[in-house]
Amino acid sequence: MLRRLRTRSCTLVGVTVPVVLSFREFRAGLARVLDQIRRSPGAAVFVGSHRRAEAVLVSVEQYEALLEASERQRGGAGVGAGGGPGARPG
């Protein structure tokens, strides 16, 4: 039986530490993880081996917001400008 996925952050002494899913947990619970991301667009799911984060899954909306913030910070010449992974056909 699949155990409940731990995808929320935990707070210890005022420091928020994200829970990292193993790749096995991520694969086994992919539908639930995607549902969580859909329902909570600001959420992030960390995945990695040996509980060390190697990847982060975020919603498309969150990804685009991060790209826009990066572009603003870099003066408009940041990631996504000029056809990068976040660029949309115009």
C-alpha atoms as a PDB file:
ATOM      1  CA  MET A   1       0.000   0.000   0.000  1.00  0.00           C
ATOM      2  CA  LEU A   2       1.267   3.462  -0.906  1.00  0.00           C
ATOM      3  CA  ARG A   3       2.047   5.610   2.088  1.00  0.00           C
ATOM      4  CA  ARG A   4       0.858   9.200   2.221  1.00  0.00           C
ATOM      5  CA  LEU A   5       3.191  11.582   0.412  1.00  0.00           C
ATOM      6  CA  ARG A   6       4.933  14.203   2.496  1.00  0.00           C
ATOM      7  CA  THR A   7       4.883  17.231   0.252  1.00  0.00           C
ATOM      8  CA  ARG A   8       4.495  20.092   2.706  1.00  0.00           C
ATOM      9  CA  SER A   9       7.163  22.121   4.403  1.00  0.00           C
ATOM     10  CA  CYS A  10       7.779  21.764   8.095  1.00  0.00           C
ATOM     11  CA  THR A  11       8.747  24.645  10.360  1.00  0.00           C
ATOM     12  CA  LEU A  12      11.333  24.169  13.070  1.00  0.00           C
ATOM     13  CA  VAL A  13      12.352  27.070  15.302  1.00  0.00           C
ATOM     14  CA  GLY A  14      11.112  29.641  12.789  1.00  0.00           C
ATOM     15  CA  VAL A  15      12.954  28.061   9.841  1.00  0.00           C
ATOM     16  CA  THR A  16      10.895  26.472   7.078  1.00  0.00           C
ATOM     17  CA  VAL A  17      12.482  23.309   5.721  1.00  0.00           C
ATOM     18  CA  PRO A  18      10.920  21.791   2.596  1.00  0.00           C
ATOM     19  CA  VAL A  19      10.168  18.084   2.627  1.00  0.00           C
ATOM     20  CA  VAL A  20      11.993  16.324  -0.205  1.00  0.00           C
ATOM     21  CA  LEU A  21      10.263  13.390  -1.883  1.00  0.00           C
ATOM     22  CA  SER A  22      12.411  10.532  -3.054  1.00  0.00           C
ATOM     23  CA  PHE A  23      12.174   9.774  -6.767  1.00  0.00           C
ATOM     24  CA  ARG A  24      10.294   6.580  -5.892  1.00  0.00           C
ATOM     25  CA  GLU A  25       7.700   8.499  -3.828  1.00  0.00           C
ATOM     26  CA  PHE A  26       7.392  11.103  -6.575  1.00  0.00           C
ATOM     27  CA  ARG A  27       6.779   8.518  -9.300  1.00  0.00           C
ATOM     28  CA  ALA A  28       4.353   6.514  -7.171  1.00  0.00           C
ATOM     29  CA  GLY A  29       2.319   9.591  -6.249  1.00  0.00           C
ATOM     30  CA  LEU A  30       2.682  11.659  -9.418  1.00  0.00           C
ATOM     31  CA  ALA A  31      -1.062  12.169  -9.904  1.00  0.00           C
ATOM     32  CA  ARG A  32      -1.453  13.438  -6.326  1.00  0.00           C
ATOM     33  CA  VAL A  33       1.598  15.694  -6.618  1.00  0.00           C
ATOM     34  CA  LEU A  34       0.261  17.247  -9.833  1.00  0.00           C
ATOM     35  CA  ASP A  35      -3.150  17.700  -8.219  1.00  0.00           C
ATOM     36  CA  GLN A  36      -1.518  19.502  -5.291  1.00  0.00           C
ATOM     37  CA  ILE A  37       0.356  21.811  -7.675  1.00  0.00           C
ATOM     38  CA  ARG A  38      -2.870  22.537  -9.589  1.00  0.00           C
ATOM     39  CA  ARG A  39      -4.816  23.359  -6.411  1.00  0.00           C
ATOM     40  CA  SER A  40      -2.037  25.445  -4.834  1.00  0.00           C
ATOM     41  CA  PRO A  41      -0.284  27.391  -7.621  1.00  0.00           C
ATOM     42  CA  GLY A  42       2.278  28.833  -5.182  1.00  0.00           C
ATOM     43  CA  ALA A  43       3.285  25.387  -3.922  1.00  0.00           C
ATOM     44  CA  ALA A  44       6.571  23.733  -4.789  1.00  0.00           C
ATOM     45  CA  VAL A  45       7.443  20.043  -4.588  1.00  0.00           C
ATOM     46  CA  PHE A  46      11.082  19.114  -4.040  1.00  0.00           C
ATOM     47  CA  VAL A  47      12.382  15.802  -5.410  1.00  0.00           C
ATOM     48  CA  GLY A  48      15.760  14.165  -4.974  1.00  0.00           C
ATOM     49  CA  SER A  49      17.747  11.160  -3.929  1.00  0.00           C
ATOM     50  CA  HIS A  50      18.698  10.553  -0.318  1.00  0.00           C
ATOM     51  CA  ARG A  51      16.336  13.404   0.695  1.00  0.00           C
ATOM     52  CA  ARG A  52      18.607  16.000  -0.915  1.00  0.00           C
ATOM     53  CA  ALA A  53      16.671  18.262  -3.293  1.00  0.00           C
ATOM     54  CA  GLU A  54      17.734  17.890  -6.923  1.00  0.00           C
ATOM     55  CA  ALA A  55      14.651  19.230  -8.692  1.00  0.00           C
ATOM     56  CA  VAL A  56      11.633  21.406  -7.942  1.00  0.00           C
ATOM     57  CA  LEU A  57       8.190  21.060  -9.489  1.00  0.00           C
ATOM     58  CA  VAL A  58       6.079  24.240  -9.620  1.00  0.00           C
ATOM     59  CA  SER A  59       2.946  25.248 -11.513  1.00  0.00           C
ATOM     60  CA  VAL A  60       3.231  26.918 -14.907  1.00  0.00           C
ATOM     61  CA  GLU A  61       1.866  30.109 -13.343  1.00  0.00           C
ATOM     62  CA  GLN A  62       4.557  30.068 -10.653  1.00  0.00           C
ATOM     63  CA  TYR A  63       7.267  29.325 -13.237  1.00  0.00           C
ATOM     64  CA  GLU A  64       6.140  32.231 -15.427  1.00  0.00           C
ATOM     65  CA  ALA A  65       6.002  34.559 -12.402  1.00  0.00           C
ATOM     66  CA  LEU A  66       9.559  33.557 -11.509  1.00  0.00           C
ATOM     67  CA  LEU A  67      10.700  34.213 -15.081  1.00  0.00           C
ATOM     68  CA  GLU A  68       9.044  37.648 -15.096  1.00  0.00           C
ATOM     69  CA  ALA A  69      10.628  38.522 -11.744  1.00  0.00           C
ATOM     70  CA  SER A  70      14.012  37.409 -13.055  1.00  0.00           C
ATOM     71  CA  GLU A  71      13.575  39.497 -16.198  1.00  0.00           C
ATOM     72  CA  ARG A  72      12.583  42.574 -14.164  1.00  0.00           C
ATOM     73  CA  GLN A  73      15.573  42.098 -11.889  1.00  0.00           C
ATOM     74  CA  ARG A  74      17.927  41.816 -14.873  1.00  0.00           C
ATOM     75  CA  GLY A  75      16.402  44.737 -16.711  1.00  0.00           C
ATOM     76  CA  GLY A  76      14.376  42.757 -19.249  1.00  0.00           C
ATOM     77  CA  ALA A  77      17.263  40.735 -20.684  1.00  0.00           C
ATOM     78  CA  GLY A  78      16.848  37.741 -18.377  1.00  0.00           C
ATOM     79  CA  VAL A  79      15.816  34.151 -18.784  1.00  0.00           C
ATOM     80  CA  GLY A  80      12.975  33.626 -21.249  1.00  0.00           C
ATOM     81  CA  ALA A  81      13.752  36.678 -23.358  1.00  0.00           C
ATOM     82  CA  GLY A  82      14.508  35.837 -26.956  1.00  0.00           C
ATOM     83  CA  GLY A  83      13.030  32.352 -27.178  1.00  0.00           C
ATOM     84  CA  GLY A  84      14.327  30.593 -24.060  1.00  0.00           C
ATOM     85  CA  PRO A  85      12.401  27.809 -22.320  1.00  0.00           C
ATOM     86  CA  GLY A  86       9.828  30.221 -20.888  1.00  0.00           C
ATOM     87  CA  ALA A  87       9.248  32.219 -24.059  1.00  0.00           C
ATOM     88  CA  ARG A  88       5.856  32.098 -25.677  1.00  0.00           C
ATOM     89  CA  PRO A  89       5.239  32.397 -29.396  1.00  0.00           C
ATOM     90  CA  GLY A  90       4.131  35.925 -30.222  1.00  0.00           C
END
